[in-house]
Protein backbone atom coordinates (compact mmCIF):
# COMPACT_ATOMS: atom_id res chain seq x y z
CA MET A 1 42.20 0.39 -18.39
CA GLY A 2 40.90 0.39 -21.93
CA TYR A 3 38.60 -2.28 -23.31
CA LYS A 4 41.48 -4.30 -24.76
CA GLU A 5 43.25 -4.44 -21.42
CA ASN A 6 40.01 -5.32 -19.64
CA TYR A 7 39.31 -8.07 -22.15
CA GLN A 8 42.81 -9.50 -21.74
CA ALA A 9 42.46 -9.43 -17.95
CA TRP A 10 39.40 -11.65 -18.27
CA VAL A 11 41.17 -13.96 -20.70
CA ASN A 12 44.05 -14.30 -18.21
CA ALA A 13 41.83 -14.64 -15.14
CA PRO A 14 42.96 -17.47 -12.83
CA THR A 15 39.45 -18.92 -12.83
CA MET A 16 36.72 -18.45 -15.40
CA ASP A 17 33.23 -19.84 -15.85
CA ALA A 18 33.33 -22.34 -18.73
CA ALA A 19 30.53 -20.75 -20.75
CA LEU A 20 32.04 -17.28 -20.38
CA LYS A 21 35.44 -18.66 -21.35
CA ARG A 22 33.96 -19.93 -24.62
CA GLU A 23 32.38 -16.54 -25.21
CA LEU A 24 35.71 -14.81 -24.62
CA SER A 25 37.34 -17.07 -27.18
CA ALA A 26 34.58 -16.36 -29.69
CA MET A 27 35.20 -12.60 -29.49
CA ALA A 28 38.98 -12.86 -29.74
CA ASP A 29 38.99 -11.26 -33.19
CA ASP A 30 35.84 -9.18 -32.74
CA GLU A 31 36.97 -5.80 -31.42
CA LYS A 32 33.50 -4.29 -31.75
CA THR A 33 32.05 -6.84 -29.35
CA GLN A 34 35.03 -6.49 -27.02
CA GLU A 35 34.56 -2.74 -26.94
CA ALA A 36 30.86 -3.04 -26.15
CA ALA A 37 31.45 -5.56 -23.35
CA PHE A 38 34.63 -4.25 -21.76
CA SER A 39 34.68 -0.44 -22.09
CA VAL A 40 32.24 0.65 -19.40
CA PRO A 41 31.46 -1.22 -16.17
CA MET A 42 27.90 -2.29 -15.50
CA ALA A 43 26.09 0.79 -14.23
CA PHE A 44 24.91 0.35 -10.64
CA GLY A 45 22.41 2.90 -9.38
CA THR A 46 19.51 3.28 -6.98
CA ALA A 47 17.52 0.56 -8.77
CA GLY A 48 20.47 -1.85 -9.07
CA MET A 49 21.67 -2.86 -12.51
CA ARG A 50 20.33 -4.29 -15.73
CA GLY A 51 22.04 -5.36 -18.94
CA ILE A 52 22.70 -7.95 -21.61
CA ILE A 53 23.81 -11.36 -20.35
CA GLY A 54 27.38 -12.25 -21.31
CA ALA A 55 31.09 -11.90 -20.65
CA GLY A 56 32.49 -8.51 -19.72
CA ILE A 57 32.48 -5.77 -17.11
CA GLY A 58 29.48 -4.21 -18.81
CA ARG A 59 27.40 -7.40 -18.96
CA MET A 60 25.30 -9.46 -16.57
CA ASN A 61 27.32 -12.51 -15.51
CA ILE A 62 28.29 -14.31 -12.32
CA TYR A 63 31.23 -11.98 -11.74
CA THR A 64 29.28 -8.72 -12.01
CA VAL A 65 26.56 -10.27 -9.83
CA ARG A 66 29.21 -11.18 -7.27
CA GLN A 67 30.57 -7.64 -7.46
CA ALA A 68 27.15 -6.12 -6.79
CA THR A 69 26.53 -8.50 -3.90
CA GLU A 70 29.99 -7.87 -2.47
CA GLY A 71 29.10 -4.17 -2.36
CA LEU A 72 25.89 -4.95 -0.45
CA ALA A 73 27.74 -7.30 1.89
CA ARG A 74 30.49 -4.77 2.66
CA PHE A 75 27.79 -2.23 3.46
CA MET A 76 25.99 -4.70 5.74
CA ASP A 77 29.30 -5.39 7.50
CA THR A 78 29.12 -1.77 8.77
CA LEU A 79 25.67 -2.22 10.31
CA ASP A 80 24.95 -3.18 13.90
CA ALA A 81 24.76 -6.90 14.63
CA SER A 82 20.96 -7.14 14.69
CA GLN A 83 20.60 -5.53 11.28
CA LYS A 84 23.28 -7.69 9.69
CA GLN A 85 21.89 -10.85 11.29
CA ALA A 86 18.44 -10.10 9.84
CA GLY A 87 19.82 -11.27 6.51
CA VAL A 88 18.68 -10.90 2.90
CA ALA A 89 15.69 -12.36 1.03
CA ILE A 90 16.41 -13.40 -2.57
CA SER A 91 14.08 -14.17 -5.47
CA PHE A 92 14.47 -14.61 -9.22
CA ASP A 93 12.39 -14.71 -12.41
CA SER A 94 12.27 -17.01 -15.45
CA ARG A 95 15.19 -15.52 -17.38
CA TYR A 96 18.39 -17.24 -18.38
CA GLN A 97 20.74 -17.67 -15.40
CA SER A 98 18.33 -16.02 -12.94
CA GLN A 99 18.46 -18.89 -10.47
CA GLN A 100 22.24 -19.16 -10.84
CA PHE A 101 22.64 -15.44 -10.17
CA ALA A 102 20.44 -15.78 -7.07
CA GLN A 103 22.65 -18.59 -5.77
CA GLU A 104 25.80 -16.60 -6.52
CA ALA A 105 24.41 -13.72 -4.47
CA ALA A 106 23.77 -16.09 -1.55
CA ALA A 107 27.31 -17.46 -1.91
CA VAL A 108 28.87 -14.01 -1.57
CA LEU A 109 26.64 -13.01 1.35
CA GLY A 110 27.49 -16.27 3.11
CA ALA A 111 31.21 -15.55 2.87
CA HIS A 112 30.48 -12.45 4.98
CA GLY A 113 28.44 -14.44 7.49
CA ILE A 114 25.17 -12.97 6.21
CA VAL A 115 22.16 -15.27 6.12
CA SER A 116 20.10 -15.47 2.92
CA TYR A 117 16.50 -16.64 2.47
CA VAL A 118 16.25 -17.87 -1.11
CA PHE A 119 12.99 -18.85 -2.80
CA ASP A 120 12.97 -22.48 -3.89
CA SER A 121 11.79 -21.52 -7.38
CA LEU A 122 10.90 -18.41 -9.34
CA ARG A 123 8.65 -15.83 -7.67
CA PRO A 124 7.43 -12.38 -8.75
CA THR A 125 9.05 -9.12 -7.72
CA PRO A 126 6.12 -8.05 -5.50
CA GLU A 127 6.40 -11.27 -3.49
CA LEU A 128 10.08 -10.56 -2.92
CA SER A 129 9.09 -7.15 -1.55
CA PHE A 130 6.50 -8.87 0.63
CA ALA A 131 9.06 -11.45 1.82
CA VAL A 132 11.45 -8.75 3.05
CA ARG A 133 8.66 -7.33 5.22
CA TYR A 134 7.26 -10.71 6.28
CA LEU A 135 10.62 -12.24 7.23
CA LYS A 136 11.91 -8.91 8.58
CA THR A 137 15.16 -9.17 6.66
CA TYR A 138 17.40 -6.14 6.29
CA ALA A 139 17.47 -6.30 2.50
CA GLY A 140 16.16 -8.11 -0.54
CA ILE A 141 17.62 -9.02 -3.93
CA MET A 142 15.48 -9.60 -7.00
CA ILE A 143 17.11 -11.10 -10.08
CA THR A 144 15.06 -9.83 -13.01
CA ALA A 145 15.16 -7.64 -16.10
CA SER A 146 11.42 -7.02 -15.81
CA HIS A 147 9.98 -6.54 -19.32
CA ASN A 148 13.24 -6.31 -21.28
CA PRO A 149 13.99 -8.73 -24.17
CA LYS A 150 15.35 -12.22 -23.52
CA GLN A 151 19.00 -11.15 -23.87
CA TYR A 152 18.78 -9.17 -20.60
CA ASN A 153 18.87 -9.83 -16.91
CA GLY A 154 19.13 -7.56 -13.88
CA TYR A 155 19.69 -7.16 -10.16
CA LYS A 156 17.57 -5.02 -7.81
CA ILE A 157 18.18 -4.31 -4.12
CA TYR A 158 15.37 -3.71 -1.64
CA GLY A 159 15.55 -2.12 1.80
CA PRO A 160 14.11 -3.11 5.20
CA ASP A 161 10.61 -1.77 4.44
CA GLY A 162 10.33 -3.83 1.24
CA GLY A 163 10.83 -0.84 -1.04
CA GLN A 164 13.87 -0.23 -3.16
CA MET A 165 16.82 0.72 -0.99
CA PRO A 166 16.63 4.38 0.22
CA PRO A 167 18.99 6.88 -1.48
CA GLU A 168 21.45 7.31 1.41
CA GLU A 169 21.96 3.57 1.81
CA SER A 170 21.92 2.85 -1.93
CA ASP A 171 24.59 5.51 -2.53
CA ARG A 172 26.83 3.89 0.06
CA ILE A 173 26.23 0.45 -1.45
CA THR A 174 27.11 1.87 -4.87
CA GLU A 175 30.40 3.19 -3.47
CA TYR A 176 31.22 -0.24 -2.09
CA VAL A 177 30.29 -1.90 -5.39
CA ARG A 178 32.60 0.41 -7.31
CA SER A 179 35.43 -0.20 -4.84
CA VAL A 180 35.55 -3.89 -5.79
CA ASP A 181 38.43 -3.81 -8.25
CA ASP A 182 39.12 -7.53 -8.65
CA LEU A 183 35.98 -9.40 -9.66
CA PHE A 184 37.81 -12.73 -9.56
CA ALA A 185 38.99 -12.43 -5.95
CA ILE A 186 35.53 -12.13 -4.38
CA LYS A 187 35.10 -14.83 -1.75
CA THR A 188 32.14 -17.21 -1.96
CA LEU A 189 30.88 -20.28 -0.13
CA ASP A 190 29.47 -23.23 -2.00
CA VAL A 191 25.89 -24.28 -1.36
CA HIS A 192 26.86 -27.22 0.84
CA ALA A 193 28.85 -24.96 3.15
CA LEU A 194 26.04 -22.41 3.17
CA ARG A 195 23.49 -25.01 4.22
CA ALA A 196 25.79 -26.70 6.73
CA GLN A 197 26.48 -23.36 8.44
CA ASN A 198 22.81 -22.26 8.31
CA LEU A 199 23.76 -19.32 6.10
CA MET A 200 21.18 -20.10 3.41
CA HIS A 201 17.56 -21.11 3.97
CA LEU A 202 15.08 -22.07 1.28
CA ILE A 203 11.68 -20.43 1.48
CA GLY A 204 8.54 -21.20 -0.47
CA GLU A 205 4.97 -22.14 0.40
CA ASP A 206 5.11 -20.57 3.86
CA VAL A 207 5.73 -17.14 2.34
CA ASP A 208 3.37 -17.86 -0.57
CA GLU A 209 0.47 -18.57 1.76
CA ALA A 210 1.07 -15.40 3.77
CA TYR A 211 1.24 -13.36 0.57
CA TYR A 212 -1.98 -14.90 -0.80
CA GLN A 213 -3.76 -14.16 2.46
CA ALA A 214 -2.67 -10.54 2.18
CA VAL A 215 -3.81 -10.32 -1.46
CA ALA A 216 -7.22 -11.66 -0.37
CA THR A 217 -7.76 -8.34 1.44
CA VAL A 218 -7.57 -6.48 -1.88
CA THR A 219 -11.05 -7.67 -2.89
CA ILE A 220 -13.56 -4.96 -1.98
CA ASN A 221 -16.98 -6.43 -2.82
CA GLN A 222 -16.95 -10.17 -2.22
CA ASP A 223 -20.67 -10.50 -3.00
CA LEU A 224 -20.08 -8.97 -6.44
CA VAL A 225 -17.34 -11.51 -7.17
CA HIS A 226 -19.50 -14.42 -6.01
CA THR A 227 -22.56 -13.36 -8.01
CA VAL A 228 -21.05 -11.88 -11.19
CA GLY A 229 -17.32 -12.50 -11.12
CA LYS A 230 -17.53 -16.26 -10.78
CA ASP A 231 -19.05 -16.58 -14.26
CA MET A 232 -17.25 -13.67 -15.94
CA SER A 233 -14.97 -14.88 -18.75
CA LEU A 234 -11.35 -13.86 -18.23
CA ILE A 235 -8.15 -14.76 -20.08
CA TYR A 236 -4.78 -14.39 -18.38
CA SER A 237 -1.19 -14.52 -19.64
CA PRO A 238 1.97 -14.44 -17.50
CA LEU A 239 4.05 -13.80 -20.66
CA ASN A 240 6.25 -16.82 -19.85
CA GLY A 241 7.19 -15.36 -16.49
CA THR A 242 6.50 -15.63 -12.78
CA GLY A 243 2.80 -14.75 -12.66
CA ARG A 244 1.17 -18.04 -13.65
CA ILE A 245 0.84 -19.71 -10.24
CA PRO A 246 0.19 -16.65 -8.04
CA ALA A 247 -2.29 -15.04 -10.45
CA GLN A 248 -4.31 -18.24 -10.74
CA MET A 249 -4.23 -18.71 -6.97
CA VAL A 250 -5.46 -15.23 -6.08
CA LEU A 251 -8.16 -15.25 -8.77
CA ARG A 252 -9.43 -18.62 -7.57
CA ASN A 253 -9.23 -17.60 -3.91
CA ALA A 254 -11.26 -14.47 -4.65
CA GLY A 255 -13.98 -16.49 -6.37
CA PHE A 256 -13.23 -16.04 -10.06
CA GLN A 257 -13.73 -19.43 -11.67
CA ASN A 258 -14.19 -18.86 -15.39
CA PHE A 259 -10.66 -17.96 -16.46
CA GLN A 260 -8.28 -19.49 -18.99
CA LEU A 261 -4.53 -19.31 -19.46
CA VAL A 262 -2.80 -18.43 -22.72
CA LEU A 263 -0.97 -21.75 -22.76
CA PRO A 264 1.93 -20.86 -25.12
CA GLN A 265 2.75 -17.99 -22.75
CA SER A 266 2.23 -19.92 -19.52
CA THR A 267 5.45 -21.91 -19.26
CA ALA A 268 8.40 -20.25 -17.52
CA ASP A 269 10.35 -19.87 -20.74
CA PRO A 270 13.38 -17.54 -20.91
CA GLU A 271 13.11 -17.44 -24.70
CA PHE A 272 9.76 -15.61 -24.54
CA PRO A 273 8.96 -17.43 -27.80
CA THR A 274 5.74 -15.62 -28.70
CA THR A 275 7.05 -12.05 -28.51
CA PRO A 276 10.46 -10.34 -28.63
CA PHE A 277 9.30 -7.84 -25.99
CA PRO A 278 7.47 -9.46 -23.05
CA ASN A 279 5.90 -6.13 -22.12
CA PRO A 280 2.12 -5.90 -21.56
CA GLU A 281 2.02 -2.35 -22.91
CA PHE A 282 2.87 -3.67 -26.40
CA PRO A 283 -0.11 -4.78 -28.54
CA GLN A 284 1.67 -7.84 -29.96
CA THR A 285 1.84 -9.45 -26.52
CA PHE A 286 -1.96 -9.74 -26.64
CA ASP A 287 -2.23 -11.36 -30.09
CA LEU A 288 -2.73 -14.88 -28.72
CA ALA A 289 -5.04 -13.72 -25.92
CA ILE A 290 -7.18 -11.83 -28.43
CA GLU A 291 -7.52 -14.94 -30.60
CA MET A 292 -8.70 -16.87 -27.56
CA GLY A 293 -10.94 -14.02 -26.48
CA LYS A 294 -12.74 -13.88 -29.79
CA ALA A 295 -13.34 -17.62 -29.69
CA SER A 296 -14.68 -17.64 -26.14
CA HIS A 297 -16.26 -14.16 -26.02
CA ALA A 298 -14.08 -13.27 -23.04
CA ASP A 299 -14.97 -10.14 -21.09
CA VAL A 300 -11.40 -9.11 -20.28
CA LEU A 301 -7.84 -10.10 -21.18
CA ILE A 302 -5.02 -9.57 -18.67
CA ALA A 303 -1.25 -9.97 -19.08
CA THR A 304 1.55 -9.45 -16.58
CA ASP A 305 5.22 -8.98 -17.42
CA PRO A 306 7.83 -11.66 -16.58
CA ASP A 307 8.43 -10.53 -12.99
CA ALA A 308 4.71 -9.75 -12.50
CA ASP A 309 5.05 -6.17 -11.35
CA ARG A 310 3.35 -4.61 -14.42
CA LEU A 311 -0.11 -5.34 -15.78
CA GLY A 312 -1.80 -4.62 -19.11
CA THR A 313 -5.31 -5.36 -20.31
CA ALA A 314 -7.36 -5.57 -23.49
CA VAL A 315 -11.12 -5.10 -23.18
CA TRP A 316 -14.11 -5.74 -25.37
CA THR A 317 -15.51 -2.63 -27.06
CA GLY A 318 -18.34 -4.22 -29.01
CA ASP A 319 -16.29 -4.22 -32.22
CA GLY A 320 -13.20 -6.00 -30.95
CA TYR A 321 -10.59 -5.82 -28.22
CA GLN A 322 -8.90 -2.56 -27.33
CA LEU A 323 -5.75 -2.24 -25.23
CA LEU A 324 -6.04 0.24 -22.38
CA THR A 325 -3.12 2.44 -21.45
CA GLY A 326 -1.51 2.30 -18.03
CA ASN A 327 -3.11 5.64 -17.23
CA GLN A 328 -6.56 4.36 -18.17
CA ILE A 329 -6.16 1.19 -16.09
CA ALA A 330 -5.01 3.24 -13.10
CA SER A 331 -7.94 5.64 -13.46
CA LEU A 332 -10.44 2.78 -13.52
CA LEU A 333 -8.88 1.14 -10.46
CA LEU A 334 -8.71 4.43 -8.57
CA HIS A 335 -12.31 5.41 -9.32
CA TYR A 336 -13.58 2.00 -8.25
CA ILE A 337 -11.63 2.10 -4.96
CA LEU A 338 -12.81 5.60 -4.06
CA GLU A 339 -16.45 5.02 -5.05
CA ALA A 340 -16.58 1.71 -3.15
CA ARG A 341 -15.11 3.26 -0.03
CA LYS A 342 -17.43 6.23 -0.29
CA GLN A 343 -20.45 3.92 -0.54
CA ALA A 344 -19.18 1.88 2.42
CA GLY A 345 -18.54 5.00 4.48
CA THR A 346 -14.84 4.14 4.85
CA LEU A 347 -13.30 6.89 2.72
CA PRO A 348 -10.87 8.62 5.12
CA ALA A 349 -10.70 12.38 5.50
CA ASN A 350 -6.91 12.21 5.15
CA GLY A 351 -6.81 9.81 2.20
CA ALA A 352 -3.99 10.15 -0.32
CA VAL A 353 -3.23 8.81 -3.78
CA VAL A 354 0.39 8.87 -4.98
CA LYS A 355 1.45 9.00 -8.63
CA SER A 356 4.52 9.89 -10.65
CA ILE A 357 4.85 13.34 -12.18
CA VAL A 358 4.53 11.86 -15.69
CA SER A 359 1.21 10.10 -15.02
CA THR A 360 -2.28 11.20 -16.03
CA GLU A 361 -4.07 14.18 -14.56
CA LEU A 362 -7.35 12.30 -14.97
CA ALA A 363 -6.46 10.61 -11.70
CA THR A 364 -5.99 14.03 -10.11
CA ALA A 365 -9.48 15.05 -11.23
CA ILE A 366 -10.93 11.83 -9.80
CA ALA A 367 -9.13 12.25 -6.48
CA LYS A 368 -10.26 15.87 -6.18
CA ASP A 369 -13.88 14.86 -6.84
CA TYR A 370 -13.73 12.49 -3.87
CA GLY A 371 -11.90 14.91 -1.58
CA VAL A 372 -8.70 12.89 -1.65
CA ALA A 373 -5.19 14.36 -1.82
CA MET A 374 -3.10 13.66 -4.93
CA ILE A 375 0.62 13.52 -4.18
CA ASN A 376 3.05 13.70 -7.12
CA VAL A 377 6.47 12.11 -6.85
CA GLU A 378 9.36 11.58 -9.23
CA THR A 379 9.40 8.62 -11.59
CA GLY A 380 10.36 5.40 -9.85
CA PHE A 381 8.12 3.35 -7.58
CA LYS A 382 10.62 3.74 -4.75
CA PHE A 383 9.32 7.28 -4.32
CA ILE A 384 5.78 6.00 -3.90
CA GLY A 385 7.12 3.57 -1.29
CA ASP A 386 8.87 6.46 0.47
CA GLN A 387 5.54 8.30 0.74
CA ILE A 388 3.82 5.26 2.25
CA LYS A 389 6.58 4.94 4.84
CA GLN A 390 6.25 8.63 5.67
CA TYR A 391 2.48 8.31 6.13
CA GLU A 392 2.96 5.38 8.49
CA GLU A 393 5.51 7.30 10.55
CA THR A 394 3.60 10.59 10.74
CA GLY A 395 -0.05 9.56 10.40
CA SER A 396 -0.52 12.52 8.05
CA HIS A 397 -2.35 10.53 5.37
CA GLU A 398 -3.87 7.14 4.73
CA PHE A 399 -2.53 5.56 1.55
CA LEU A 400 -5.31 4.56 -0.86
CA PHE A 401 -3.59 3.82 -4.18
CA GLY A 402 -0.34 4.42 -6.04
CA PHE A 403 0.61 4.15 -9.69
CA GLU A 404 2.91 5.03 -12.56
CA GLU A 405 1.83 5.43 -16.17
CA SER A 406 4.20 2.61 -17.12
CA TYR A 407 1.61 -0.04 -16.11
CA GLY A 408 2.55 -0.24 -12.45
CA TYR A 409 -0.04 -0.08 -9.63
CA LEU A 410 -0.16 -0.74 -5.90
CA ILE A 411 -3.43 -1.19 -4.04
CA LYS A 412 -2.44 -2.36 -0.55
CA PRO A 413 0.94 -1.42 0.99
CA PHE A 414 1.86 -4.85 2.36
CA VAL A 415 4.06 -4.71 -0.76
CA ARG A 416 6.24 -1.66 -1.42
CA ASP A 417 6.64 -1.97 -5.16
CA LYS A 418 4.20 -2.17 -8.04
CA ASP A 419 2.23 -5.39 -7.79
CA ALA A 420 0.55 -6.95 -10.83
CA ILE A 421 -0.84 -9.83 -8.73
CA GLN A 422 -2.84 -7.44 -6.55
CA SER A 423 -3.80 -5.51 -9.68
CA THR A 424 -4.99 -8.65 -11.49
CA VAL A 425 -7.52 -9.57 -8.82
CA LEU A 426 -8.81 -6.00 -8.39
CA LEU A 427 -9.06 -5.34 -12.13
CA ALA A 428 -11.08 -8.53 -12.48
CA GLU A 429 -13.40 -7.20 -9.77
CA VAL A 430 -13.73 -3.85 -11.56
CA ALA A 431 -14.60 -5.73 -14.77
CA ALA A 432 -17.25 -7.67 -12.82
CA TYR A 433 -18.64 -4.37 -11.51
CA TYR A 434 -19.17 -3.02 -15.01
CA LYS A 435 -20.49 -6.37 -16.20
CA SER A 436 -23.11 -6.19 -13.45
CA LYS A 437 -24.30 -2.97 -15.09
CA GLY A 438 -24.29 -4.53 -18.56
CA GLN A 439 -21.08 -2.67 -19.43
CA THR A 440 -17.40 -3.34 -20.06
CA LEU A 441 -14.19 -1.71 -18.86
CA TRP A 442 -14.22 0.21 -22.13
CA ASP A 443 -17.60 1.67 -21.18
CA GLY A 444 -16.12 2.46 -17.79
CA ILE A 445 -13.27 4.57 -19.10
CA GLN A 446 -15.62 6.38 -21.48
CA ALA A 447 -17.87 7.19 -18.52
CA LEU A 448 -14.90 8.71 -16.69
CA TYR A 449 -14.10 10.87 -19.72
CA ALA A 450 -17.73 12.00 -19.90
CA ARG A 451 -17.57 12.99 -16.23
CA TYR A 452 -14.12 14.55 -15.99
CA GLY A 453 -13.16 15.50 -19.56
CA TYR A 454 -11.20 13.61 -22.17
CA PHE A 455 -7.61 13.10 -21.03
CA ALA A 456 -5.01 11.75 -23.43
CA GLU A 457 -1.36 10.93 -22.91
CA LYS A 458 1.47 9.65 -25.03
CA THR A 459 5.00 8.47 -24.30
CA VAL A 460 7.63 8.46 -27.04
CA GLY A 461 11.05 6.89 -26.51
CA VAL A 462 14.06 7.92 -28.60
CA ASP A 463 16.77 5.24 -28.60
CA PHE A 464 20.47 5.99 -28.17
CA PRO A 465 22.26 2.67 -28.67
CA GLY A 466 25.97 1.97 -28.48
CA LEU A 467 28.81 3.33 -26.38
CA GLU A 468 28.11 6.86 -27.53
CA GLY A 469 24.49 6.64 -26.34
CA PRO A 470 24.91 8.07 -22.81
CA ALA A 471 26.80 11.13 -24.10
CA GLU A 472 24.16 11.74 -26.78
CA MET A 473 21.38 11.47 -24.21
CA ALA A 474 23.16 13.96 -21.94
CA ALA A 475 23.66 16.32 -24.89
CA LEU A 476 19.96 16.20 -25.72
CA MET A 477 18.99 17.09 -22.14
CA THR A 478 21.52 19.94 -22.23
CA LYS A 479 19.99 21.21 -25.47
CA PHE A 480 16.55 21.51 -23.89
CA ARG A 481 18.02 23.29 -20.87
CA GLU A 482 20.28 25.72 -22.70
CA GLU A 483 17.98 26.46 -25.63
CA GLN A 484 14.94 26.92 -23.41
CA PRO A 485 11.85 26.80 -25.68
CA ALA A 486 9.20 29.47 -25.19
CA ASP A 487 6.33 27.37 -26.54
CA PHE A 488 5.37 24.09 -28.16
CA ALA A 489 3.05 24.07 -31.17
CA GLY A 490 2.30 27.74 -30.53
CA VAL A 491 1.12 27.16 -26.95
CA LYS A 492 3.11 29.17 -24.44
CA ILE A 493 5.10 27.51 -21.65
CA VAL A 494 3.96 29.09 -18.38
CA ARG A 495 5.94 26.95 -15.95
CA THR A 496 9.19 25.00 -16.23
CA GLU A 497 10.21 22.44 -13.61
CA ASP A 498 13.87 21.39 -13.72
CA TYR A 499 14.41 18.56 -11.26
CA LYS A 500 18.15 18.53 -11.87
CA LYS A 501 18.59 22.21 -11.09
CA GLN A 502 15.83 21.95 -8.46
CA LEU A 503 14.09 25.02 -9.84
CA ILE A 504 10.56 26.01 -10.85
CA THR A 505 10.52 28.94 -13.27
CA THR A 506 7.45 31.06 -14.05
CA ALA A 507 6.86 34.63 -15.20
CA GLU A 508 6.92 35.68 -11.54
CA GLY A 509 10.39 34.24 -10.94
CA THR A 510 11.88 31.05 -9.53
CA SER A 511 11.16 28.82 -6.56
CA PRO A 512 12.82 25.63 -5.28
CA ILE A 513 11.81 22.02 -5.90
CA THR A 514 11.96 19.93 -2.74
CA MET A 515 11.93 16.52 -4.44
CA PRO A 516 15.19 14.55 -4.90
CA VAL A 517 17.56 15.63 -7.67
CA SER A 518 16.74 13.89 -10.95
CA ASP A 519 17.47 14.55 -14.62
CA VAL A 520 13.89 15.51 -15.52
CA LEU A 521 12.39 18.53 -17.25
CA LYS A 522 8.67 19.25 -17.11
CA TYR A 523 6.81 22.03 -18.90
CA ILE A 524 3.30 23.23 -18.08
CA LEU A 525 1.62 24.99 -21.02
CA ALA A 526 -0.99 27.73 -21.04
CA ASP A 527 -3.79 25.33 -22.02
CA GLY A 528 -3.03 22.93 -19.16
CA THR A 529 -1.02 20.50 -21.31
CA TRP A 530 2.15 19.16 -19.72
CA ILE A 531 5.30 17.83 -21.37
CA ALA A 532 8.10 15.97 -19.60
CA ILE A 533 11.51 14.76 -20.73
CA ARG A 534 13.79 12.32 -18.94
CA PRO A 535 16.45 9.71 -19.73
CA SER A 536 15.22 6.20 -18.98
CA GLY A 537 16.70 4.63 -15.88
CA THR A 538 16.77 1.13 -17.38
CA GLU A 539 17.19 1.53 -21.15
CA PRO A 540 19.40 3.62 -23.48
CA LYS A 541 16.64 6.04 -24.45
CA VAL A 542 15.21 9.44 -23.67
CA LYS A 543 11.49 9.45 -22.94
CA PHE A 544 9.16 12.25 -23.97
CA TYR A 545 5.77 12.44 -22.25
CA VAL A 546 2.79 14.52 -23.30
CA GLY A 547 -0.44 14.83 -21.34
CA THR A 548 -3.38 16.92 -22.46
CA SER A 549 -7.16 17.13 -22.22
CA ALA A 550 -10.04 18.30 -24.39
CA ALA A 551 -13.80 18.00 -24.80
CA THR A 552 -13.53 15.16 -27.32
CA GLU A 553 -11.19 12.31 -28.19
CA ALA A 554 -10.55 13.73 -31.66
CA GLU A 555 -9.52 17.10 -30.27
CA ALA A 556 -7.26 15.55 -27.65
CA GLU A 557 -5.57 13.26 -30.17
CA GLN A 558 -5.00 16.21 -32.51
CA LYS A 559 -3.34 18.13 -29.69
CA LEU A 560 -1.11 15.15 -28.89
CA ALA A 561 -0.02 14.92 -32.52
CA SER A 562 0.77 18.63 -32.66
CA PHE A 563 2.86 18.59 -29.51
CA GLU A 564 4.70 15.44 -30.55
CA ALA A 565 5.60 17.07 -33.87
CA ALA A 566 6.77 20.21 -32.08
CA LEU A 567 8.97 18.18 -29.75
CA THR A 568 10.51 16.31 -32.67
CA ALA A 569 11.18 19.55 -34.52
CA PHE A 570 12.91 21.13 -31.52
CA ARG A 571 14.88 17.97 -30.72
CA THR A 572 16.23 17.57 -34.25
CA ALA A 573 16.80 21.26 -35.05
C-alpha cells in the first residue's frame, strides 16, 4: 500500500493508543508528514531498529515495538523447550516511552508463554548484556536510541551469549518481523496477567550487585587507586542517561573518592536539556563539565552517553581541557593494560586485541610492540563479541581488549557489548597512573606518539535525509565502486577491499575476503594511509574515515586535510 492507504488504515484501526490517535488527527492535512511516517516500514536489521518516536509504520511506537517483539517471539516458538523457557531479559534507558516499550515487549512475549525478566528501572546497555549472561536467558531486549537526539528511540536484540543476536538467528527473526502484516492484531497480556502467571519478573539490585562485583575485577593496580586515585579530582556526566548510579558505584567501590557529578546532566531526563546531541564525542556535551573543571582544577572529565555504552573524555593540557578522540582513549587504555600485564608477568603468549577495520592503527603498533595479535573485524561491536565467543570455544587466543573508534571499548568479556561503566573505572585508573608520574592523560597520548609515530584519524559523515536518502546513499556507494579511483590527493591506491563484493584487489590480482558481507569499501594507499567508506547502520548518512600517520602532528593534520578534500572532490564530481 502507499502512504495514504497506510495512514488511513491506522486512522481506521479498531484500537489506537490515545496519544497516537491525536497525532494522526494532527497530520490529517499534512501529506508531507504522512509520507515520512507511512511510506516505508521501520527498518529491522541485525542491530534491531531505531527511529523517531511517533505514529506510523516508519516510527517508534507501541505497535512497531509489538511487531518487533512478535517476530522474536515467533522465532522463539521454533526453539526447543529449554531455550524458549530460558526467557528474555529486558532493559530500557531514560528516553521518552522507553519503559512503556519495555513493558509492551514483555506483554507480547507473555502472550507466547515466554518469560521476561524486566529491570525495575532504567539500566545501561552493558548491564543488559551482563543480565542475559548472568540469568542465562535466551535473548535480551534493550530499549534505547543510544546517543541519538531526544526525538528518537530504538530496540536492540541480544543473543544467548550477551552479544547482539548472531546473523543466522537475526535474519530469521527479521523474516518473522516482516511477516507480521497486522500490527493491531498482535496478542498481548496485561501486566496483572503476566505477574499472576509468572510470565514477567522484575529484576534489580540482585543483578546490579553481580555486575558491580564483575566490574571490580577491571581495576588492575588497586594500590595505585588507593594512594593516588582516591584524591585525584574527577568530574563525571551521564548526559541525562543511565550511567549516574552505576558509574558512581563502581568508582566508589574501586576507591575513587574525589569525584563530582555535572548536576544539570545527572537527572534521567529524556529532553537532554543541555545538549541537542547527547553524544560524548561532541565538544558541546563537555561545556558544563569544563566549567566545573576549571573551577575545581579537575584532572579528568568523563561523560557517557544515555545508555552508557560509549565514553568520552576531556583532559587537562596545561592550557585548558582537550577532548580526546575515541581512538586516543582506546590507545591509552590498551597501552596501560598491556604494560601492566607485562610488568605483572601475566601477559599471555596468545593474547589478542580486537578492533574494527575503521579504527586507529596506533593500536596495532602498540599490540605488535607487546607481542599481541591485533584482529580486525567489521564495524559493529557484535563482531568483536563473535571473536570473544570463538576464542572461548577454541582456546586460540585470550581476549585482552576490544574497541571501535566510535567511543566504544570493552575491557573484560563478562559483557559482550561496549561498556562505558567498565571504561570509566579503568580510564580513571589510567589517569591516576599518569598523575603518579606528574603527568596527565594528554601527556600520555603524546608519549605514545613519540614512541610509535603520530597517528591521526578523522571521520566525516554526509547526511542523506528524507525518503530519498537511502537511494542517494546507495548511489554514492555505487559511484565509488564503478568509478574506481586510482589515487587520492596524488597518493596511489595499492589495495582495495570491497566487503560487499568480498574481494581484495591489488596489482597482483584479487583474493577473497572471509569476513561477513557488508557495504564497506576500504582503500590502502602507498604511504600507509587508509580510507574507508560505509553507510551508517543507525543514521541516514554515509561515513568517510581517513587514518594516516606522520612524524609530526602538523604533517599528519595536513595529510588528513588533503585526503578529505580529495574525497569531497571525487564524491561531488
